[in-house]
Amino acid sequence: MSILEILQYPDLRLRRKSHPVTDVKATKIQKIIETMTDTLLDQESCAGLASTQLDIGEPPSIVVINPSGNKSQDSILCLINPQITATEGDTICEEGCMSVCPTMISARIKRASKINVVALDIDGNKLEFEAEGFLARCIQHECDHLQGILYIDHLSKLKRAFLDKKIAKLLQTN
């Protein structure tokens, strides 16, 4: 079982963009997926992780999601090269992140309520599906990470400034 460091804001590596995976079966990619899954399952209250959140050089376009919260590898959804191809509706919910003062900071974020997703699974098979509710929110959050976007980037300038001050205070006390 390998656990990777989860990068913490304001680490500039969180702003990296992932690169597409060309060979899903490559040993390096399979090892990254295994390590990402171990890291996710090792965390408390973690619904998903993107490779760009972890201490991985040149992160591939991979996310692992655990919408059920079960501490089992069978409950993990691995999406390789995920693309959101359509969105529908809006919803606003409280959102947090393992890379932004987890358990201490959250904010109400607007996301699409329903999405269509195209990706590859861990075996390289093409997946096409519709997601809504919590799963749709998780996928959007993690796909943002793959583009170097944090959930706090969706806030208004005023709310973001307030949150940045709060984060700075938290970082000073730790």
C-alpha atoms as a PDB file:
ATOM      1  CA  MET A   1       0.000   0.000   0.000  1.00  0.00           C
ATOM      2  CA  SER A   2       1.528   3.280  -1.142  1.00  0.00           C
ATOM      3  CA  ILE A   3       0.243   6.638   0.013  1.00  0.00           C
ATOM      4  CA  LEU A   4       1.141   9.868  -1.753  1.00  0.00           C
ATOM      5  CA  GLU A   5       1.297  13.364  -0.312  1.00  0.00           C
ATOM      6  CA  ILE A   6      -1.799  15.424  -1.097  1.00  0.00           C
ATOM      7  CA  LEU A   7      -0.605  18.857  -2.165  1.00  0.00           C
ATOM      8  CA  GLN A   8      -1.966  21.776  -0.164  1.00  0.00           C
ATOM      9  CA  TYR A   9      -3.034  25.198  -1.395  1.00  0.00           C
ATOM     10  CA  PRO A  10      -1.244  27.527  -2.209  1.00  0.00           C
ATOM     11  CA  ASP A  11       1.247  24.971  -3.653  1.00  0.00           C
ATOM     12  CA  LEU A  12       1.683  26.025  -7.294  1.00  0.00           C
ATOM     13  CA  ARG A  13       1.743  22.384  -8.420  1.00  0.00           C
ATOM     14  CA  LEU A  14      -2.041  22.407  -7.907  1.00  0.00           C
ATOM     15  CA  ARG A  15      -2.207  24.700 -10.961  1.00  0.00           C
ATOM     16  CA  ARG A  16      -0.600  22.131 -13.278  1.00  0.00           C
ATOM     17  CA  LYS A  17      -2.626  20.652 -16.104  1.00  0.00           C
ATOM     18  CA  SER A  18      -2.617  16.899 -16.535  1.00  0.00           C
ATOM     19  CA  HIS A  19      -1.450  15.203 -19.707  1.00  0.00           C
ATOM     20  CA  PRO A  20      -3.540  12.648 -21.631  1.00  0.00           C
ATOM     21  CA  VAL A  21      -2.903   8.968 -21.025  1.00  0.00           C
ATOM     22  CA  THR A  22      -1.952   7.192 -24.252  1.00  0.00           C
ATOM     23  CA  ASP A  23      -1.306   3.701 -22.873  1.00  0.00           C
ATOM     24  CA  VAL A  24      -3.676   2.729 -20.056  1.00  0.00           C
ATOM     25  CA  LYS A  25      -1.986  -0.673 -19.668  1.00  0.00           C
ATOM     26  CA  ALA A  26       1.482   0.840 -19.088  1.00  0.00           C
ATOM     27  CA  THR A  27       2.937  -0.348 -15.791  1.00  0.00           C
ATOM     28  CA  LYS A  28       3.603   3.259 -14.720  1.00  0.00           C
ATOM     29  CA  ILE A  29      -0.053   4.255 -15.285  1.00  0.00           C
ATOM     30  CA  GLN A  30      -1.414   1.171 -13.498  1.00  0.00           C
ATOM     31  CA  LYS A  31       0.921   1.890 -10.541  1.00  0.00           C
ATOM     32  CA  ILE A  32      -0.278   5.518 -10.395  1.00  0.00           C
ATOM     33  CA  ILE A  33      -3.908   4.346 -10.359  1.00  0.00           C
ATOM     34  CA  GLU A  34      -3.165   1.850  -7.579  1.00  0.00           C
ATOM     35  CA  THR A  35      -1.342   4.478  -5.516  1.00  0.00           C
ATOM     36  CA  MET A  36      -4.078   7.076  -6.091  1.00  0.00           C
ATOM     37  CA  THR A  37      -6.685   4.547  -4.941  1.00  0.00           C
ATOM     38  CA  ASP A  38      -4.652   3.687  -1.822  1.00  0.00           C
ATOM     39  CA  THR A  39      -4.238   7.394  -1.057  1.00  0.00           C
ATOM     40  CA  LEU A  40      -7.965   8.055  -1.496  1.00  0.00           C
ATOM     41  CA  LEU A  41      -8.983   5.130   0.722  1.00  0.00           C
ATOM     42  CA  ASP A  42      -6.495   6.243   3.390  1.00  0.00           C
ATOM     43  CA  GLN A  43      -8.231   9.621   3.798  1.00  0.00           C
ATOM     44  CA  GLU A  44     -11.190  10.458   6.001  1.00  0.00           C
ATOM     45  CA  SER A  45     -14.173  11.969   4.201  1.00  0.00           C
ATOM     46  CA  CYS A  46     -12.557  12.045   0.770  1.00  0.00           C
ATOM     47  CA  ALA A  47     -14.843  11.590  -2.231  1.00  0.00           C
ATOM     48  CA  GLY A  48     -12.206  11.883  -4.934  1.00  0.00           C
ATOM     49  CA  LEU A  49      -8.678  12.722  -5.982  1.00  0.00           C
ATOM     50  CA  ALA A  50      -7.105  13.925  -9.207  1.00  0.00           C
ATOM     51  CA  SER A  51      -3.513  13.123 -10.122  1.00  0.00           C
ATOM     52  CA  THR A  52      -2.705  16.857 -10.117  1.00  0.00           C
ATOM     53  CA  GLN A  53      -3.458  16.992  -6.373  1.00  0.00           C
ATOM     54  CA  LEU A  54      -0.723  14.514  -5.621  1.00  0.00           C
ATOM     55  CA  ASP A  55       3.050  14.602  -5.527  1.00  0.00           C
ATOM     56  CA  ILE A  56       3.354  13.079  -9.016  1.00  0.00           C
ATOM     57  CA  GLY A  57       5.721  14.528 -11.608  1.00  0.00           C
ATOM     58  CA  GLU A  58       3.916  15.155 -14.915  1.00  0.00           C
ATOM     59  CA  PRO A  59       0.498  14.014 -13.675  1.00  0.00           C
ATOM     60  CA  PRO A  60      -1.564  11.944 -16.133  1.00  0.00           C
ATOM     61  CA  SER A  61      -5.249  12.672 -16.725  1.00  0.00           C
ATOM     62  CA  ILE A  62      -6.640  10.333 -14.057  1.00  0.00           C
ATOM     63  CA  VAL A  63      -9.205  10.750 -11.294  1.00  0.00           C
ATOM     64  CA  VAL A  64     -10.377   8.282  -8.691  1.00  0.00           C
ATOM     65  CA  ILE A  65     -13.764   8.789  -7.081  1.00  0.00           C
ATOM     66  CA  ASN A  66     -15.413   7.117  -4.113  1.00  0.00           C
ATOM     67  CA  PRO A  67     -18.972   8.503  -4.061  1.00  0.00           C
ATOM     68  CA  SER A  68     -20.250   5.792  -1.696  1.00  0.00           C
ATOM     69  CA  GLY A  69     -17.647   6.477   0.991  1.00  0.00           C
ATOM     70  CA  ASN A  70     -17.021   2.729   1.409  1.00  0.00           C
ATOM     71  CA  LYS A  71     -13.424   1.877   2.274  1.00  0.00           C
ATOM     72  CA  SER A  72     -13.237  -0.765  -0.439  1.00  0.00           C
ATOM     73  CA  GLN A  73     -11.334  -0.813  -3.729  1.00  0.00           C
ATOM     74  CA  ASP A  74     -14.529  -2.155  -5.347  1.00  0.00           C
ATOM     75  CA  SER A  75     -16.306   1.144  -4.663  1.00  0.00           C
ATOM     76  CA  ILE A  76     -13.712   3.246  -6.555  1.00  0.00           C
ATOM     77  CA  LEU A  77     -14.553   4.725  -9.943  1.00  0.00           C
ATOM     78  CA  CYS A  78     -11.398   5.371 -11.967  1.00  0.00           C
ATOM     79  CA  LEU A  79     -11.739   7.739 -14.922  1.00  0.00           C
ATOM     80  CA  ILE A  80      -8.866   8.126 -17.358  1.00  0.00           C
ATOM     81  CA  ASN A  81      -8.863  11.094 -19.746  1.00  0.00           C
ATOM     82  CA  PRO A  82     -12.329  12.133 -18.513  1.00  0.00           C
ATOM     83  CA  GLN A  83     -14.272  14.659 -20.559  1.00  0.00           C
ATOM     84  CA  ILE A  84     -17.570  16.274 -19.655  1.00  0.00           C
ATOM     85  CA  THR A  85     -19.424  16.357 -22.963  1.00  0.00           C
ATOM     86  CA  ALA A  86     -22.708  17.932 -21.863  1.00  0.00           C
ATOM     87  CA  THR A  87     -24.186  19.651 -18.832  1.00  0.00           C
ATOM     88  CA  GLU A  88     -27.725  20.324 -17.715  1.00  0.00           C
ATOM     89  CA  GLY A  89     -29.258  22.402 -14.941  1.00  0.00           C
ATOM     90  CA  ASP A  90     -27.598  24.061 -11.979  1.00  0.00           C
ATOM     91  CA  THR A  91     -27.234  23.253  -8.327  1.00  0.00           C
ATOM     92  CA  ILE A  92     -25.465  25.028  -5.489  1.00  0.00           C
ATOM     93  CA  CYS A  93     -23.980  22.937  -2.688  1.00  0.00           C
ATOM     94  CA  GLU A  94     -21.323  23.159  -0.017  1.00  0.00           C
ATOM     95  CA  GLU A  95     -18.018  21.906  -1.365  1.00  0.00           C
ATOM     96  CA  GLY A  96     -14.610  21.254   0.159  1.00  0.00           C
ATOM     97  CA  CYS A  97     -11.313  19.839  -1.025  1.00  0.00           C
ATOM     98  CA  MET A  98      -8.507  17.692   0.342  1.00  0.00           C
ATOM     99  CA  SER A  99      -6.051  20.270  -1.057  1.00  0.00           C
ATOM    100  CA  VAL A 100      -7.682  23.378   0.447  1.00  0.00           C
ATOM    101  CA  CYS A 101      -7.579  23.176   4.254  1.00  0.00           C
ATOM    102  CA  PRO A 102      -9.709  20.016   4.433  1.00  0.00           C
ATOM    103  CA  THR A 103     -12.209  19.903   7.301  1.00  0.00           C
ATOM    104  CA  MET A 104     -11.715  23.660   7.926  1.00  0.00           C
ATOM    105  CA  ILE A 105     -12.718  25.386   4.686  1.00  0.00           C
ATOM    106  CA  SER A 106     -15.728  24.920   2.439  1.00  0.00           C
ATOM    107  CA  ALA A 107     -17.885  27.110   0.240  1.00  0.00           C
ATOM    108  CA  ARG A 108     -21.141  27.013  -1.671  1.00  0.00           C
ATOM    109  CA  ILE A 109     -20.287  26.312  -5.313  1.00  0.00           C
ATOM    110  CA  LYS A 110     -22.518  26.298  -8.390  1.00  0.00           C
ATOM    111  CA  ARG A 111     -22.170  23.203 -10.565  1.00  0.00           C
ATOM    112  CA  ALA A 112     -24.198  21.500 -13.276  1.00  0.00           C
ATOM    113  CA  SER A 113     -26.795  19.167 -11.786  1.00  0.00           C
ATOM    114  CA  LYS A 114     -26.457  16.588 -14.570  1.00  0.00           C
ATOM    115  CA  ILE A 115     -23.484  15.797 -16.824  1.00  0.00           C
ATOM    116  CA  ASN A 116     -22.515  13.419 -19.605  1.00  0.00           C
ATOM    117  CA  VAL A 117     -19.057  11.912 -19.286  1.00  0.00           C
ATOM    118  CA  VAL A 118     -16.708  10.115 -21.665  1.00  0.00           C
ATOM    119  CA  ALA A 119     -13.587   8.441 -20.259  1.00  0.00           C
ATOM    120  CA  LEU A 120     -11.575   5.249 -20.224  1.00  0.00           C
ATOM    121  CA  ASP A 121     -11.755   2.762 -17.379  1.00  0.00           C
ATOM    122  CA  ILE A 122      -8.802   1.056 -15.695  1.00  0.00           C
ATOM    123  CA  ASP A 123      -8.729  -1.579 -18.467  1.00  0.00           C
ATOM    124  CA  GLY A 124      -8.806   0.983 -21.279  1.00  0.00           C
ATOM    125  CA  ASN A 125     -12.472   0.403 -22.143  1.00  0.00           C
ATOM    126  CA  LYS A 126     -14.453   3.446 -23.251  1.00  0.00           C
ATOM    127  CA  LEU A 127     -17.052   4.624 -20.748  1.00  0.00           C
ATOM    128  CA  GLU A 128     -19.954   6.885 -21.639  1.00  0.00           C
ATOM    129  CA  PHE A 129     -22.470   7.685 -18.945  1.00  0.00           C
ATOM    130  CA  GLU A 130     -24.712  10.279 -17.394  1.00  0.00           C
ATOM    131  CA  ALA A 131     -24.183  11.376 -13.814  1.00  0.00           C
ATOM    132  CA  GLU A 132     -26.222  13.556 -11.522  1.00  0.00           C
ATOM    133  CA  GLY A 133     -26.290  14.615  -7.908  1.00  0.00           C
ATOM    134  CA  PHE A 134     -23.234  13.979  -5.761  1.00  0.00           C
ATOM    135  CA  LEU A 135     -21.431  11.880  -8.403  1.00  0.00           C
ATOM    136  CA  ALA A 136     -21.802  14.654 -11.001  1.00  0.00           C
ATOM    137  CA  ARG A 137     -20.434  17.180  -8.501  1.00  0.00           C
ATOM    138  CA  CYS A 138     -17.437  14.956  -7.702  1.00  0.00           C
ATOM    139  CA  ILE A 139     -16.601  14.403 -11.358  1.00  0.00           C
ATOM    140  CA  GLN A 140     -16.797  18.134 -12.119  1.00  0.00           C
ATOM    141  CA  HIS A 141     -14.610  18.946  -9.104  1.00  0.00           C
ATOM    142  CA  GLU A 142     -11.949  16.392 -10.076  1.00  0.00           C
ATOM    143  CA  CYS A 143     -12.019  17.309 -13.792  1.00  0.00           C
ATOM    144  CA  ASP A 144     -11.409  20.921 -12.743  1.00  0.00           C
ATOM    145  CA  HIS A 145      -8.312  19.737 -10.856  1.00  0.00           C
ATOM    146  CA  LEU A 146      -7.003  18.118 -14.047  1.00  0.00           C
ATOM    147  CA  GLN A 147      -7.112  21.605 -15.617  1.00  0.00           C
ATOM    148  CA  GLY A 148      -5.401  23.303 -12.655  1.00  0.00           C
ATOM    149  CA  ILE A 149      -8.671  24.765 -11.359  1.00  0.00           C
ATOM    150  CA  LEU A 150      -9.629  24.693  -7.669  1.00  0.00           C
ATOM    151  CA  TYR A 151     -13.195  24.932  -6.413  1.00  0.00           C
ATOM    152  CA  ILE A 152     -12.393  28.270  -4.775  1.00  0.00           C
ATOM    153  CA  ASP A 153     -11.704  29.657  -8.271  1.00  0.00           C
ATOM    154  CA  HIS A 154     -15.477  29.517  -8.856  1.00  0.00           C
ATOM    155  CA  LEU A 155     -16.156  32.053  -6.088  1.00  0.00           C
ATOM    156  CA  SER A 156     -16.850  35.758  -6.583  1.00  0.00           C
ATOM    157  CA  LYS A 157     -13.882  38.079  -5.994  1.00  0.00           C
ATOM    158  CA  LEU A 158     -15.320  39.202  -2.652  1.00  0.00           C
ATOM    159  CA  LYS A 159     -15.979  35.671  -1.357  1.00  0.00           C
ATOM    160  CA  ARG A 160     -12.592  34.524  -2.638  1.00  0.00           C
ATOM    161  CA  ALA A 161     -10.789  37.383  -0.872  1.00  0.00           C
ATOM    162  CA  PHE A 162     -12.566  36.503   2.389  1.00  0.00           C
ATOM    163  CA  LEU A 163     -11.685  32.840   2.018  1.00  0.00           C
ATOM    164  CA  ASP A 164      -8.047  33.592   1.132  1.00  0.00           C
ATOM    165  CA  LYS A 165      -7.717  35.642   4.351  1.00  0.00           C
ATOM    166  CA  LYS A 166      -9.219  32.786   6.351  1.00  0.00           C
ATOM    167  CA  ILE A 167      -6.844  30.288   4.715  1.00  0.00           C
ATOM    168  CA  ALA A 168      -3.842  32.539   5.399  1.00  0.00           C
ATOM    169  CA  LYS A 169      -4.794  32.703   9.085  1.00  0.00           C
ATOM    170  CA  LEU A 170      -5.178  28.926   9.248  1.00  0.00           C
ATOM    171  CA  LEU A 171      -1.795  28.409   7.593  1.00  0.00           C
ATOM    172  CA  GLN A 172      -0.133  30.794  10.054  1.00  0.00           C
ATOM    173  CA  THR A 173      -1.505  28.956  13.082  1.00  0.00           C
ATOM    174  CA  ASN A 174      -0.453  25.500  11.819  1.00  0.00           C
END
